[in-house]
PDB file of N, CA and C in Angstrom:
ATOM      1  N   MET A   1     116.661 102.153 106.873  1.00  0.00           N
ATOM      2  CA  MET A   1     117.586 101.064 106.752  1.00  0.00           C
ATOM      3  C   MET A   1     118.951 101.530 107.250  1.00  0.00           C
ATOM      4  N   VAL A   2     119.678 100.610 107.786  1.00  0.00           N
ATOM      5  CA  VAL A   2     121.025 100.917 108.286  1.00  0.00           C
ATOM      6  C   VAL A   2     122.003  99.925 107.673  1.00  0.00           C
ATOM      7  N   ARG A   3     123.204 100.371 107.455  1.00  0.00           N
ATOM      8  CA  ARG A   3     124.254  99.501 106.909  1.00  0.00           C
ATOM      9  C   ARG A   3     124.790  98.602 108.024  1.00  0.00           C
ATOM     10  N   THR A   4     125.145  97.395 107.674  1.00  0.00           N
ATOM     11  CA  THR A   4     125.711  96.474 108.662  1.00  0.00           C
ATOM     12  C   THR A   4     127.190  96.787 108.854  1.00  0.00           C
ATOM     13  N   PRO A   5     127.676  96.713 110.080  1.00  0.00           N
ATOM     14  CA  PRO A   5     129.091  97.027 110.308  1.00  0.00           C
ATOM     15  C   PRO A   5     130.028  95.992 109.687  1.00  0.00           C
ATOM     16  N   GLU A   6     129.565  94.751 109.545  1.00  0.00           N
ATOM     17  CA  GLU A   6     130.428  93.713 108.992  1.00  0.00           C
ATOM     18  C   GLU A   6     130.669  93.911 107.499  1.00  0.00           C
ATOM     19  N   ASN A   7     129.635  94.308 106.794  1.00  0.00           N
ATOM     20  CA  ASN A   7     129.729  94.479 105.341  1.00  0.00           C
ATOM     21  C   ASN A   7     128.979  95.751 104.975  1.00  0.00           C
ATOM     22  N   PRO A   8     129.678  96.817 104.620  1.00  0.00           N
ATOM     23  CA  PRO A   8     129.004  98.088 104.325  1.00  0.00           C
ATOM     24  C   PRO A   8     128.119  98.043 103.085  1.00  0.00           C
ATOM     25  N   ASP A   9     128.267  97.004 102.259  1.00  0.00           N
ATOM     26  CA  ASP A   9     127.415  96.897 101.071  1.00  0.00           C
ATOM     27  C   ASP A   9     126.022  96.363 101.409  1.00  0.00           C
ATOM     28  N   ARG A  10     125.868  95.781 102.581  1.00  0.00           N
ATOM     29  CA  ARG A  10     124.577  95.220 102.989  1.00  0.00           C
ATOM     30  C   ARG A  10     123.858  96.187 103.911  1.00  0.00           C
ATOM     31  N   VAL A  11     122.559  96.132 103.858  1.00  0.00           N
ATOM     32  CA  VAL A  11     121.742  96.958 104.751  1.00  0.00           C
ATOM     33  C   VAL A  11     120.756  96.053 105.469  1.00  0.00           C
ATOM     34  N   ARG A  12     120.277  96.512 106.585  1.00  0.00           N
ATOM     35  CA  ARG A  12     119.233  95.786 107.307  1.00  0.00           C
ATOM     36  C   ARG A  12     118.170  96.795 107.702  1.00  0.00           C
ATOM     37  N   LEU A  13     117.013  96.265 108.018  1.00  0.00           N
ATOM     38  CA  LEU A  13     115.900  97.138 108.370  1.00  0.00           C
ATOM     39  C   LEU A  13     116.020  97.583 109.814  1.00  0.00           C
ATOM     40  N   ALA A  14     115.780  98.852 110.012  1.00  0.00           N
ATOM     41  CA  ALA A  14     115.738  99.398 111.366  1.00  0.00           C
ATOM     42  C   ALA A  14     114.366  99.076 111.958  1.00  0.00           C
ATOM     43  N   PRO A  15     114.204  99.180 113.275  1.00  0.00           N
ATOM     44  CA  PRO A  15     112.899  98.893 113.886  1.00  0.00           C
ATOM     45  C   PRO A  15     111.763  99.731 113.300  1.00  0.00           C
ATOM     46  N   ALA A  16     112.041 100.979 112.987  1.00  0.00           N
ATOM     47  CA  ALA A  16     110.990 101.821 112.400  1.00  0.00           C
ATOM     48  C   ALA A  16     110.591 101.307 111.016  1.00  0.00           C
ATOM     49  N   ASP A  17     111.544 100.760 110.281  1.00  0.00           N
ATOM     50  CA  ASP A  17     111.227 100.205 108.965  1.00  0.00           C
ATOM     51  C   ASP A  17     110.297  98.999 109.090  1.00  0.00           C
ATOM     52  N   TRP A  18     110.528  98.173 110.115  1.00  0.00           N
ATOM     53  CA  TRP A  18     109.649  97.025 110.334  1.00  0.00           C
ATOM     54  C   TRP A  18     108.227  97.481 110.636  1.00  0.00           C
ATOM     55  N   GLY A  19     108.110  98.542 111.401  1.00  0.00           N
ATOM     56  CA  GLY A  19     106.775  99.077 111.695  1.00  0.00           C
ATOM     57  C   GLY A  19     106.076  99.546 110.433  1.00  0.00           C
ATOM     58  N   GLY A  20     106.828 100.207 109.570  1.00  0.00           N
ATOM     59  CA  GLY A  20     106.251 100.655 108.302  1.00  0.00           C
ATOM     60  C   GLY A  20     105.837  99.493 107.421  1.00  0.00           C
ATOM     61  N   LEU A  21     106.677  98.469 107.385  1.00  0.00           N
ATOM     62  CA  LEU A  21     106.328  97.290 106.591  1.00  0.00           C
ATOM     63  C   LEU A  21     105.098  96.584 107.145  1.00  0.00           C
ATOM     64  N   CYS A  22     105.009  96.503 108.458  1.00  0.00           N
ATOM     65  CA  CYS A  22     103.828  95.883 109.075  1.00  0.00           C
ATOM     66  C   CYS A  22     102.576  96.704 108.777  1.00  0.00           C
ATOM     67  N   SER A  23     102.700  98.022 108.821  1.00  0.00           N
ATOM     68  CA  SER A  23     101.558  98.877 108.492  1.00  0.00           C
ATOM     69  C   SER A  23     101.142  98.692 107.043  1.00  0.00           C
ATOM     70  N   LEU A  24     102.118  98.594 106.158  1.00  0.00           N
ATOM     71  CA  LEU A  24     101.818  98.372 104.747  1.00  0.00           C
ATOM     72  C   LEU A  24     101.143  97.017 104.542  1.00  0.00           C
ATOM     73  N   ALA A  25     101.643  95.988 105.218  1.00  0.00           N
ATOM     74  CA  ALA A  25     101.037  94.661 105.104  1.00  0.00           C
ATOM     75  C   ALA A  25      99.610  94.668 105.644  1.00  0.00           C
ATOM     76  N   LEU A  26      99.397  95.346 106.755  1.00  0.00           N
ATOM     77  CA  LEU A  26      98.052  95.425 107.324  1.00  0.00           C
ATOM     78  C   LEU A  26      97.106  96.175 106.397  1.00  0.00           C
ATOM     79  N   ALA A  27      97.587  97.258 105.803  1.00  0.00           N
ATOM     80  CA  ALA A  27      96.753  98.008 104.858  1.00  0.00           C
ATOM     81  C   ALA A  27      96.421  97.150 103.641  1.00  0.00           C
ATOM     82  N   SER A  28      97.395  96.393 103.158  1.00  0.00           N
ATOM     83  CA  SER A  28      97.155  95.520 102.004  1.00  0.00           C
ATOM     84  C   SER A  28      96.137  94.434 102.341  1.00  0.00           C
ATOM     85  N   LEU A  29      96.279  93.831 103.511  1.00  0.00           N
ATOM     86  CA  LEU A  29      95.322  92.798 103.924  1.00  0.00           C
ATOM     87  C   LEU A  29      93.925  93.368 104.114  1.00  0.00           C
ATOM     88  N   THR A  30      93.849  94.574 104.658  1.00  0.00           N
ATOM     89  CA  THR A  30      92.552  95.221 104.838  1.00  0.00           C
ATOM     90  C   THR A  30      91.895  95.488 103.494  1.00  0.00           C
ATOM     91  N   LEU A  31      92.675  95.976 102.539  1.00  0.00           N
ATOM     92  CA  LEU A  31      92.148  96.236 101.204  1.00  0.00           C
ATOM     93  C   LEU A  31      91.693  94.943 100.535  1.00  0.00           C
ATOM     94  N   ALA A  32      92.480  93.890 100.670  1.00  0.00           N
ATOM     95  CA  ALA A  32      92.097  92.600 100.088  1.00  0.00           C
ATOM     96  C   ALA A  32      90.827  92.063 100.749  1.00  0.00           C
ATOM     97  N   GLY A  33      90.734  92.190 102.063  1.00  0.00           N
ATOM     98  CA  GLY A  33      89.531  91.739 102.764  1.00  0.00           C
ATOM     99  C   GLY A  33      88.300  92.520 102.350  1.00  0.00           C
ATOM    100  N   ALA A  34      88.445  93.832 102.218  1.00  0.00           N
ATOM    101  CA  ALA A  34      87.311  94.660 101.796  1.00  0.00           C
ATOM    102  C   ALA A  34      86.883  94.303 100.377  1.00  0.00           C
ATOM    103  N   THR A  35      87.857  94.028  99.521  1.00  0.00           N
ATOM    104  CA  THR A  35      87.537  93.648  98.146  1.00  0.00           C
ATOM    105  C   THR A  35      86.804  92.312  98.114  1.00  0.00           C
ATOM    106  N   LEU A  36      87.290  91.343  98.876  1.00  0.00           N
ATOM    107  CA  LEU A  36      86.621  90.040  98.917  1.00  0.00           C
ATOM    108  C   LEU A  36      85.212  90.152  99.482  1.00  0.00           C
ATOM    109  N   TYR A  37      85.026  91.005 100.485  1.00  0.00           N
ATOM    110  CA  TYR A  37      83.697  91.199 101.052  1.00  0.00           C
ATOM    111  C   TYR A  37      82.768  91.812 100.011  1.00  0.00           C
ATOM    112  N   LYS A  38      83.280  92.795  99.257  1.00  0.00           N
ATOM    113  CA  LYS A  38      82.449  93.442  98.239  1.00  0.00           C
ATOM    114  C   LYS A  38      82.083  92.446  97.142  1.00  0.00           C
ATOM    115  N   VAL A  39      83.041  91.607  96.744  1.00  0.00           N
ATOM    116  CA  VAL A  39      82.757  90.583  95.732  1.00  0.00           C
ATOM    117  C   VAL A  39      81.693  89.619  96.252  1.00  0.00           C
ATOM    118  N   HIS A  40      81.809  89.235  97.522  1.00  0.00           N
ATOM    119  CA  HIS A  40      80.811  88.342  98.118  1.00  0.00           C
ATOM    120  C   HIS A  40      79.436  89.010  98.136  1.00  0.00           C
ATOM    121  N   GLU A  41      79.401  90.284  98.485  1.00  0.00           N
ATOM    122  CA  GLU A  41      78.135  91.019  98.548  1.00  0.00           C
ATOM    123  C   GLU A  41      77.492  91.113  97.164  1.00  0.00           C
ATOM    124  N   VAL A  42      78.297  91.400  96.144  1.00  0.00           N
ATOM    125  CA  VAL A  42      77.775  91.484  94.778  1.00  0.00           C
ATOM    126  C   VAL A  42      77.269  90.119  94.319  1.00  0.00           C
ATOM    127  N   ALA A  43      78.010  89.068  94.646  1.00  0.00           N
ATOM    128  CA  ALA A  43      77.584  87.721  94.262  1.00  0.00           C
ATOM    129  C   ALA A  43      76.266  87.348  94.945  1.00  0.00           C
ATOM    130  N   GLN A  44      76.124  87.713  96.204  1.00  0.00           N
ATOM    131  CA  GLN A  44      74.880  87.429  96.928  1.00  0.00           C
ATOM    132  C   GLN A  44      73.710  88.174  96.295  1.00  0.00           C
ATOM    133  N   THR A  45      73.926  89.426  95.934  1.00  0.00           N
ATOM    134  CA  THR A  45      72.877  90.213  95.284  1.00  0.00           C
ATOM    135  C   THR A  45      72.488  89.582  93.955  1.00  0.00           C
ATOM    136  N   ASN A  46      73.485  89.133  93.191  1.00  0.00           N
ATOM    137  CA  ASN A  46      73.190  88.493  91.909  1.00  0.00           C
ATOM    138  C   ASN A  46      72.436  87.185  92.101  1.00  0.00           C
ATOM    139  N   ARG A  47      72.786  86.424  93.139  1.00  0.00           N
ATOM    140  CA  ARG A  47      72.052  85.183  93.409  1.00  0.00           C
ATOM    141  C   ARG A  47      70.590  85.486  93.737  1.00  0.00           C
ATOM    142  N   GLU A  48      70.353  86.550  94.506  1.00  0.00           N
ATOM    143  CA  GLU A  48      68.975  86.914  94.838  1.00  0.00           C
ATOM    144  C   GLU A  48      68.215  87.343  93.587  1.00  0.00           C
ATOM    145  N   ARG A  49      68.872  88.107  92.725  1.00  0.00           N
ATOM    146  CA  ARG A  49      68.218  88.530  91.478  1.00  0.00           C
ATOM    147  C   ARG A  49      67.909  87.330  90.596  1.00  0.00           C
ATOM    148  N   LEU A  50      68.860  86.402  90.496  1.00  0.00           N
ATOM    149  CA  LEU A  50      68.633  85.215  89.677  1.00  0.00           C
ATOM    150  C   LEU A  50      67.502  84.358  90.235  1.00  0.00           C
ATOM    151  N   ALA A  51      67.390  84.293  91.544  1.00  0.00           N
ATOM    152  CA  ALA A  51      66.286  83.538  92.145  1.00  0.00           C
ATOM    153  C   ALA A  51      64.950  84.183  91.790  1.00  0.00           C
ATOM    154  N   ALA A  52      64.903  85.512  91.814  1.00  0.00           N
ATOM    155  CA  ALA A  52      63.671  86.212  91.442  1.00  0.00           C
ATOM    156  C   ALA A  52      63.345  85.989  89.968  1.00  0.00           C
ATOM    157  N   VAL A  53      64.358  86.025  89.116  1.00  0.00           N
ATOM    158  CA  VAL A  53      64.140  85.783  87.686  1.00  0.00           C
ATOM    159  C   VAL A  53      63.673  84.349  87.459  1.00  0.00           C
ATOM    160  N   ASP A  54      64.270  83.393  88.159  1.00  0.00           N
ATOM    161  CA  ASP A  54      63.847  81.998  88.027  1.00  0.00           C
ATOM    162  C   ASP A  54      62.396  81.810  88.457  1.00  0.00           C
ATOM    163  N   ALA A  55      62.005  82.484  89.524  1.00  0.00           N
ATOM    164  CA  ALA A  55      60.611  82.391  89.974  1.00  0.00           C
ATOM    165  C   ALA A  55      59.673  82.990  88.931  1.00  0.00           C
ATOM    166  N   GLU A  56      60.068  84.108  88.353  1.00  0.00           N
ATOM    167  CA  GLU A  56      59.247  84.741  87.315  1.00  0.00           C
ATOM    168  C   GLU A  56      59.157  83.842  86.084  1.00  0.00           C
ATOM    169  N   LEU A  57      60.266  83.237  85.706  1.00  0.00           N
ATOM    170  CA  LEU A  57      60.252  82.342  84.549  1.00  0.00           C
ATOM    171  C   LEU A  57      59.392  81.108  84.802  1.00  0.00           C
ATOM    172  N   ALA A  58      59.400  80.605  86.010  1.00  0.00           N
ATOM    173  CA  ALA A  58      58.551  79.457  86.332  1.00  0.00           C
ATOM    174  C   ALA A  58      57.079  79.833  86.188  1.00  0.00           C
ATOM    175  N   GLY A  59      56.721  81.025  86.649  1.00  0.00           N
ATOM    176  CA  GLY A  59      55.346  81.488  86.489  1.00  0.00           C
ATOM    177  C   GLY A  59      54.974  81.666  85.027  1.00  0.00           C
ATOM    178  N   LEU A  60      55.897  82.215  84.247  1.00  0.00           N
ATOM    179  CA  LEU A  60      55.635  82.388  82.817  1.00  0.00           C
ATOM    180  C   LEU A  60      55.509  81.044  82.105  1.00  0.00           C
ATOM    181  N   LYS A  61      56.329  80.092  82.501  1.00  0.00           N
ATOM    182  CA  LYS A  61      56.249  78.762  81.897  1.00  0.00           C
ATOM    183  C   LYS A  61      54.888  78.135  82.177  1.00  0.00           C
ATOM    184  N   GLN A  62      54.397  78.306  83.377  1.00  0.00           N
ATOM    185  CA  GLN A  62      53.070  77.791  83.730  1.00  0.00           C
ATOM    186  C   GLN A  62      51.994  78.480  82.895  1.00  0.00           C
ATOM    187  N   SER A  63      52.119  79.790  82.730  1.00  0.00           N
ATOM    188  CA  SER A  63      51.139  80.529  81.921  1.00  0.00           C
ATOM    189  C   SER A  63      51.174  80.075  80.467  1.00  0.00           C
ATOM    190  N   VAL A  64      52.358  79.857  79.933  1.00  0.00           N
ATOM    191  CA  VAL A  64      52.480  79.401  78.543  1.00  0.00           C
ATOM    192  C   VAL A  64      51.854  78.023  78.379  1.00  0.00           C
ATOM    193  N   SER A  65      52.078  77.138  79.328  1.00  0.00           N
ATOM    194  CA  SER A  65      51.483  75.801  79.206  1.00  0.00           C
ATOM    195  C   SER A  65      49.957  75.874  79.281  1.00  0.00           C
ATOM    196  N   LEU A  66      49.426  76.762  80.105  1.00  0.00           N
ATOM    197  CA  LEU A  66      47.964  76.941  80.151  1.00  0.00           C
ATOM    198  C   LEU A  66      47.441  77.491  78.827  1.00  0.00           C
ATOM    199  N   LEU A  67      48.153  78.460  78.262  1.00  0.00           N
ATOM    200  CA  LEU A  67      47.737  79.014  76.970  1.00  0.00           C
ATOM    201  C   LEU A  67      47.808  77.960  75.870  1.00  0.00           C
ATOM    202  N   GLN A  68      48.836  77.135  75.894  1.00  0.00           N
ATOM    203  CA  GLN A  68      48.945  76.076  74.892  1.00  0.00           C
ATOM    204  C   GLN A  68      47.779  75.102  74.992  1.00  0.00           C
ATOM    205  N   SER A  69      47.411  74.751  76.207  1.00  0.00           N
ATOM    206  CA  SER A  69      46.278  73.827  76.360  1.00  0.00           C
ATOM    207  C   SER A  69      44.983  74.492  75.901  1.00  0.00           C
ATOM    208  N   ASP A  70      44.824  75.794  76.177  1.00  0.00           N
ATOM    209  CA  ASP A  70      43.629  76.505  75.702  1.00  0.00           C
ATOM    210  C   ASP A  70      43.590  76.548  74.176  1.00  0.00           C
ATOM    211  N   VAL A  71      44.732  76.786  73.554  1.00  0.00           N
ATOM    212  CA  VAL A  71      44.784  76.828  72.088  1.00  0.00           C
ATOM    213  C   VAL A  71      44.450  75.462  71.512  1.00  0.00           C
ATOM    214  N   ARG A  72      44.928  74.405  72.141  1.00  0.00           N
ATOM    215  CA  ARG A  72      44.607  73.051  71.661  1.00  0.00           C
ATOM    216  C   ARG A  72      43.097  72.786  71.737  1.00  0.00           C
ATOM    217  N   VAL A  73      42.484  73.215  72.835  1.00  0.00           N
ATOM    218  CA  VAL A  73      41.036  73.021  72.990  1.00  0.00           C
ATOM    219  C   VAL A  73      40.288  73.810  71.929  1.00  0.00           C
ATOM    220  N   ILE A  74      40.705  75.054  71.716  1.00  0.00           N
ATOM    221  CA  ILE A  74      40.028  75.891  70.711  1.00  0.00           C
ATOM    222  C   ILE A  74      40.253  75.325  69.313  1.00  0.00           C
ATOM    223  N   ALA A  75      41.442  74.823  69.048  1.00  0.00           N
ATOM    224  CA  ALA A  75      41.742  74.291  67.719  1.00  0.00           C
ATOM    225  C   ALA A  75      40.946  73.023  67.426  1.00  0.00           C
ATOM    226  N   ARG A  76      40.561  72.283  68.433  1.00  0.00           N
ATOM    227  CA  ARG A  76      39.803  71.047  68.227  1.00  0.00           C
ATOM    228  C   ARG A  76      38.323  71.315  67.953  1.00  0.00           C
ATOM    229  N   ARG A  77      37.851  72.475  68.326  1.00  0.00           N
ATOM    230  CA  ARG A  77      36.428  72.785  68.114  1.00  0.00           C
ATOM    231  C   ARG A  77      36.146  72.921  66.613  1.00  0.00           C
ATOM    232  N   PRO A  78      35.010  72.437  66.227  1.00  0.00           N
ATOM    233  CA  PRO A  78      34.655  72.602  64.801  1.00  0.00           C
ATOM    234  C   PRO A  78      34.267  74.052  64.516  1.00  0.00           C
ATOM    235  N   PHE A  79      34.649  74.506  63.342  1.00  0.00           N
ATOM    236  CA  PHE A  79      34.292  75.878  62.956  1.00  0.00           C
ATOM    237  C   PHE A  79      32.840  75.908  62.512  1.00  0.00           C
ATOM    238  N   PRO A  80      32.096  76.961  62.886  1.00  0.00           N
ATOM    239  CA  PRO A  80      30.666  77.019  62.499  1.00  0.00           C
ATOM    240  C   PRO A  80      30.470  77.344  61.035  1.00  0.00           C
TER     241      PRO A  80
END
């Protein structure tokens, strides 16, 4: 930073300071982008896991309904 000749209490950024600020902004944006990508990747993985769990639960629900119908048939039979 350099002091302004009009008012010594004020400072302005030198060209090198602007480069540093731009580098800092670029690094911050890169970090934010990488974080958002990682969050997206984790969310996608969780969606895939939930889809697999939903498919498994659908199969289990079908099995339970078959077992319930079998139990009803067995319960209706007269005992010897």
